[in-house]
Amino acid sequence: MADSSTLYNGDFNDEDEQILLDFASLPPHQKHYQCGWVEFDNVCGVLVPGESFSVHLREAHGVVGSDKTQFTCQWVECGLQMNKESVGRHVAEMHLSYTYPCTHCGEVFSRKNTLNRHVRKKHPPV
């Protein structure tokens, strides 16, 4: 059996911990995500900033056309049919697991506009 020095990074320090905490606290659109779009049995795998994911889907994977154009999500193990206008939101919510927590009460939302509506209704300015 291997000793613990081969199982764990002994060089991990407080600075490394802070870097991870800073990354974890970034809003979803500022994080980088690995693209799981599959074409010809190959997963894309490119790291893409969240804010650029819809551009990546359009430019790299041809997610183009009118808003009502039917698309099949090509993400690993998905295959859901939807309108083109929904693809970016679907990928963000279902595959990238975007979450937007309310800073007032901690309730978590999958869409920023839903969080904003919640804040307006439940936590109006005094």
C-alpha atoms as a PDB file:
ATOM      1  CA  MET A   1       0.000   0.000   0.000  1.00  0.00           C
ATOM      2  CA  ALA A   2       1.294   3.493  -0.879  1.00  0.00           C
ATOM      3  CA  ASP A   3       2.121   5.905   1.908  1.00  0.00           C
ATOM      4  CA  SER A   4       0.149   9.150   2.232  1.00  0.00           C
ATOM      5  CA  SER A   5       2.853  11.230   0.524  1.00  0.00           C
ATOM      6  CA  THR A   6       2.086   9.468  -2.765  1.00  0.00           C
ATOM      7  CA  LEU A   7      -1.678   9.846  -2.348  1.00  0.00           C
ATOM      8  CA  TYR A   8      -1.831  13.559  -1.595  1.00  0.00           C
ATOM      9  CA  ASN A   9      -0.075  16.661  -2.828  1.00  0.00           C
ATOM     10  CA  GLY A  10       2.174  17.529   0.107  1.00  0.00           C
ATOM     11  CA  ASP A  11       3.050  20.843  -1.532  1.00  0.00           C
ATOM     12  CA  PHE A  12      -0.550  22.117  -1.367  1.00  0.00           C
ATOM     13  CA  ASN A  13      -0.397  25.250   0.778  1.00  0.00           C
ATOM     14  CA  ASP A  14      -2.523  28.148   2.014  1.00  0.00           C
ATOM     15  CA  GLU A  15      -1.979  30.076  -1.219  1.00  0.00           C
ATOM     16  CA  ASP A  16      -3.236  27.100  -3.264  1.00  0.00           C
ATOM     17  CA  GLU A  17      -6.271  26.861  -1.005  1.00  0.00           C
ATOM     18  CA  GLN A  18      -7.029  30.558  -1.510  1.00  0.00           C
ATOM     19  CA  ILE A  19      -6.761  30.190  -5.287  1.00  0.00           C
ATOM     20  CA  LEU A  20      -9.319  27.361  -5.186  1.00  0.00           C
ATOM     21  CA  LEU A  21     -11.638  29.337  -2.909  1.00  0.00           C
ATOM     22  CA  ASP A  22     -11.382  32.397  -5.167  1.00  0.00           C
ATOM     23  CA  PHE A  23     -12.219  30.276  -8.210  1.00  0.00           C
ATOM     24  CA  ALA A  24     -15.156  28.617  -6.460  1.00  0.00           C
ATOM     25  CA  SER A  25     -16.610  32.008  -5.548  1.00  0.00           C
ATOM     26  CA  LEU A  26     -16.515  33.352  -9.118  1.00  0.00           C
ATOM     27  CA  PRO A  27     -19.906  33.847 -10.749  1.00  0.00           C
ATOM     28  CA  PRO A  28     -20.681  31.068 -13.269  1.00  0.00           C
ATOM     29  CA  HIS A  29     -20.152  33.243 -16.342  1.00  0.00           C
ATOM     30  CA  GLN A  30     -16.541  33.957 -15.262  1.00  0.00           C
ATOM     31  CA  LYS A  31     -15.522  30.319 -14.732  1.00  0.00           C
ATOM     32  CA  HIS A  32     -14.056  28.104 -17.445  1.00  0.00           C
ATOM     33  CA  TYR A  33     -15.852  24.893 -18.369  1.00  0.00           C
ATOM     34  CA  GLN A  34     -14.853  21.902 -20.458  1.00  0.00           C
ATOM     35  CA  CYS A  35     -17.090  21.536 -23.504  1.00  0.00           C
ATOM     36  CA  GLY A  36     -18.826  18.162 -23.633  1.00  0.00           C
ATOM     37  CA  TRP A  37     -20.322  18.552 -27.135  1.00  0.00           C
ATOM     38  CA  VAL A  38     -19.887  15.337 -29.117  1.00  0.00           C
ATOM     39  CA  GLU A  39     -19.255  15.271 -32.860  1.00  0.00           C
ATOM     40  CA  PHE A  40     -18.269  12.153 -34.800  1.00  0.00           C
ATOM     41  CA  ASP A  41     -17.868  10.211 -31.530  1.00  0.00           C
ATOM     42  CA  ASN A  42     -15.337  12.756 -30.183  1.00  0.00           C
ATOM     43  CA  VAL A  43     -15.906  15.019 -27.194  1.00  0.00           C
ATOM     44  CA  CYS A  44     -14.834  18.600 -27.912  1.00  0.00           C
ATOM     45  CA  GLY A  45     -13.030  19.028 -24.567  1.00  0.00           C
ATOM     46  CA  VAL A  46     -12.078  22.702 -25.108  1.00  0.00           C
ATOM     47  CA  LEU A  47     -11.993  24.900 -21.990  1.00  0.00           C
ATOM     48  CA  VAL A  48     -14.358  27.821 -22.573  1.00  0.00           C
ATOM     49  CA  PRO A  49     -15.216  30.778 -20.325  1.00  0.00           C
ATOM     50  CA  GLY A  50     -18.861  30.570 -19.284  1.00  0.00           C
ATOM     51  CA  GLU A  51     -19.619  33.975 -20.768  1.00  0.00           C
ATOM     52  CA  SER A  52     -18.410  32.733 -24.183  1.00  0.00           C
ATOM     53  CA  PHE A  53     -20.139  29.363 -24.256  1.00  0.00           C
ATOM     54  CA  SER A  54     -22.948  30.367 -26.622  1.00  0.00           C
ATOM     55  CA  VAL A  55     -20.338  31.844 -29.006  1.00  0.00           C
ATOM     56  CA  HIS A  56     -18.339  28.597 -28.782  1.00  0.00           C
ATOM     57  CA  LEU A  57     -21.458  26.523 -29.520  1.00  0.00           C
ATOM     58  CA  ARG A  58     -22.223  28.704 -32.548  1.00  0.00           C
ATOM     59  CA  GLU A  59     -18.695  28.922 -33.971  1.00  0.00           C
ATOM     60  CA  ALA A  60     -17.308  25.492 -33.106  1.00  0.00           C
ATOM     61  CA  HIS A  61     -20.426  23.330 -33.296  1.00  0.00           C
ATOM     62  CA  GLY A  62     -22.713  25.086 -35.762  1.00  0.00           C
ATOM     63  CA  VAL A  63     -25.514  25.907 -33.356  1.00  0.00           C
ATOM     64  CA  VAL A  64     -26.948  28.462 -35.812  1.00  0.00           C
ATOM     65  CA  GLY A  65     -30.261  29.156 -37.484  1.00  0.00           C
ATOM     66  CA  SER A  66     -33.521  30.843 -36.638  1.00  0.00           C
ATOM     67  CA  ASP A  67     -34.641  30.736 -33.024  1.00  0.00           C
ATOM     68  CA  LYS A  68     -37.280  28.079 -33.758  1.00  0.00           C
ATOM     69  CA  THR A  69     -34.840  25.792 -35.616  1.00  0.00           C
ATOM     70  CA  GLN A  70     -34.934  22.370 -33.953  1.00  0.00           C
ATOM     71  CA  PHE A  71     -31.687  21.127 -32.400  1.00  0.00           C
ATOM     72  CA  THR A  72     -30.670  17.984 -30.616  1.00  0.00           C
ATOM     73  CA  CYS A  73     -28.302  18.608 -27.727  1.00  0.00           C
ATOM     74  CA  GLN A  74     -25.082  16.776 -28.583  1.00  0.00           C
ATOM     75  CA  TRP A  75     -23.662  16.987 -25.051  1.00  0.00           C
ATOM     76  CA  VAL A  76     -22.343  13.708 -23.683  1.00  0.00           C
ATOM     77  CA  GLU A  77     -25.301  11.421 -22.878  1.00  0.00           C
ATOM     78  CA  CYS A  78     -27.998  14.067 -23.509  1.00  0.00           C
ATOM     79  CA  GLY A  79     -29.826  14.076 -26.865  1.00  0.00           C
ATOM     80  CA  LEU A  80     -32.680  16.376 -25.756  1.00  0.00           C
ATOM     81  CA  GLN A  81     -34.593  18.055 -28.615  1.00  0.00           C
ATOM     82  CA  MET A  82     -35.202  21.812 -28.266  1.00  0.00           C
ATOM     83  CA  ASN A  83     -35.423  25.091 -30.158  1.00  0.00           C
ATOM     84  CA  LYS A  84     -32.075  26.668 -31.057  1.00  0.00           C
ATOM     85  CA  GLU A  85     -32.939  29.633 -28.823  1.00  0.00           C
ATOM     86  CA  SER A  86     -32.870  27.270 -25.834  1.00  0.00           C
ATOM     87  CA  VAL A  87     -29.558  25.495 -26.473  1.00  0.00           C
ATOM     88  CA  GLY A  88     -27.282  27.983 -24.663  1.00  0.00           C
ATOM     89  CA  ARG A  89     -29.545  28.170 -21.620  1.00  0.00           C
ATOM     90  CA  HIS A  90     -29.965  24.373 -21.593  1.00  0.00           C
ATOM     91  CA  VAL A  91     -26.186  23.803 -21.672  1.00  0.00           C
ATOM     92  CA  ALA A  92     -25.598  26.396 -18.914  1.00  0.00           C
ATOM     93  CA  GLU A  93     -28.299  25.020 -16.622  1.00  0.00           C
ATOM     94  CA  MET A  94     -28.110  21.290 -17.235  1.00  0.00           C
ATOM     95  CA  HIS A  95     -24.514  20.585 -18.203  1.00  0.00           C
ATOM     96  CA  LEU A  96     -22.481  23.426 -16.707  1.00  0.00           C
ATOM     97  CA  SER A  97     -24.687  23.551 -13.590  1.00  0.00           C
ATOM     98  CA  TYR A  98     -24.863  27.325 -13.408  1.00  0.00           C
ATOM     99  CA  THR A  99     -26.312  28.397 -10.084  1.00  0.00           C
ATOM    100  CA  TYR A 100     -27.152  31.829  -8.774  1.00  0.00           C
ATOM    101  CA  PRO A 101     -27.567  31.942  -4.978  1.00  0.00           C
ATOM    102  CA  CYS A 102     -29.529  34.732  -3.313  1.00  0.00           C
ATOM    103  CA  THR A 103     -27.168  36.706  -1.086  1.00  0.00           C
ATOM    104  CA  HIS A 104     -30.089  37.572   1.219  1.00  0.00           C
ATOM    105  CA  CYS A 105     -31.564  34.150   1.992  1.00  0.00           C
ATOM    106  CA  GLY A 106     -29.390  31.541   0.261  1.00  0.00           C
ATOM    107  CA  GLU A 107     -32.086  30.209  -2.080  1.00  0.00           C
ATOM    108  CA  VAL A 108     -30.450  28.966  -5.284  1.00  0.00           C
ATOM    109  CA  PHE A 109     -31.660  29.581  -8.835  1.00  0.00           C
ATOM    110  CA  SER A 110     -30.558  28.149 -12.182  1.00  0.00           C
ATOM    111  CA  ARG A 111     -31.273  31.389 -14.043  1.00  0.00           C
ATOM    112  CA  LYS A 112     -30.025  34.866 -13.213  1.00  0.00           C
ATOM    113  CA  ASN A 113     -33.302  36.499 -14.273  1.00  0.00           C
ATOM    114  CA  THR A 114     -35.199  34.244 -11.851  1.00  0.00           C
ATOM    115  CA  LEU A 115     -32.824  35.283  -9.048  1.00  0.00           C
ATOM    116  CA  ASN A 116     -33.354  38.951  -9.940  1.00  0.00           C
ATOM    117  CA  ARG A 117     -37.152  38.535  -9.884  1.00  0.00           C
ATOM    118  CA  HIS A 118     -36.894  36.755  -6.512  1.00  0.00           C
ATOM    119  CA  VAL A 119     -34.775  39.586  -5.052  1.00  0.00           C
ATOM    120  CA  ARG A 120     -37.227  42.241  -6.315  1.00  0.00           C
ATOM    121  CA  LYS A 121     -40.215  40.418  -4.807  1.00  0.00           C
ATOM    122  CA  LYS A 122     -38.789  38.949  -1.595  1.00  0.00           C
ATOM    123  CA  HIS A 123     -36.015  41.408  -0.687  1.00  0.00           C
ATOM    124  CA  PRO A 124     -37.046  44.856  -1.969  1.00  0.00           C
ATOM    125  CA  PRO A 125     -34.850  47.819  -1.019  1.00  0.00           C
ATOM    126  CA  VAL A 126     -35.928  49.524   2.177  1.00  0.00           C
END
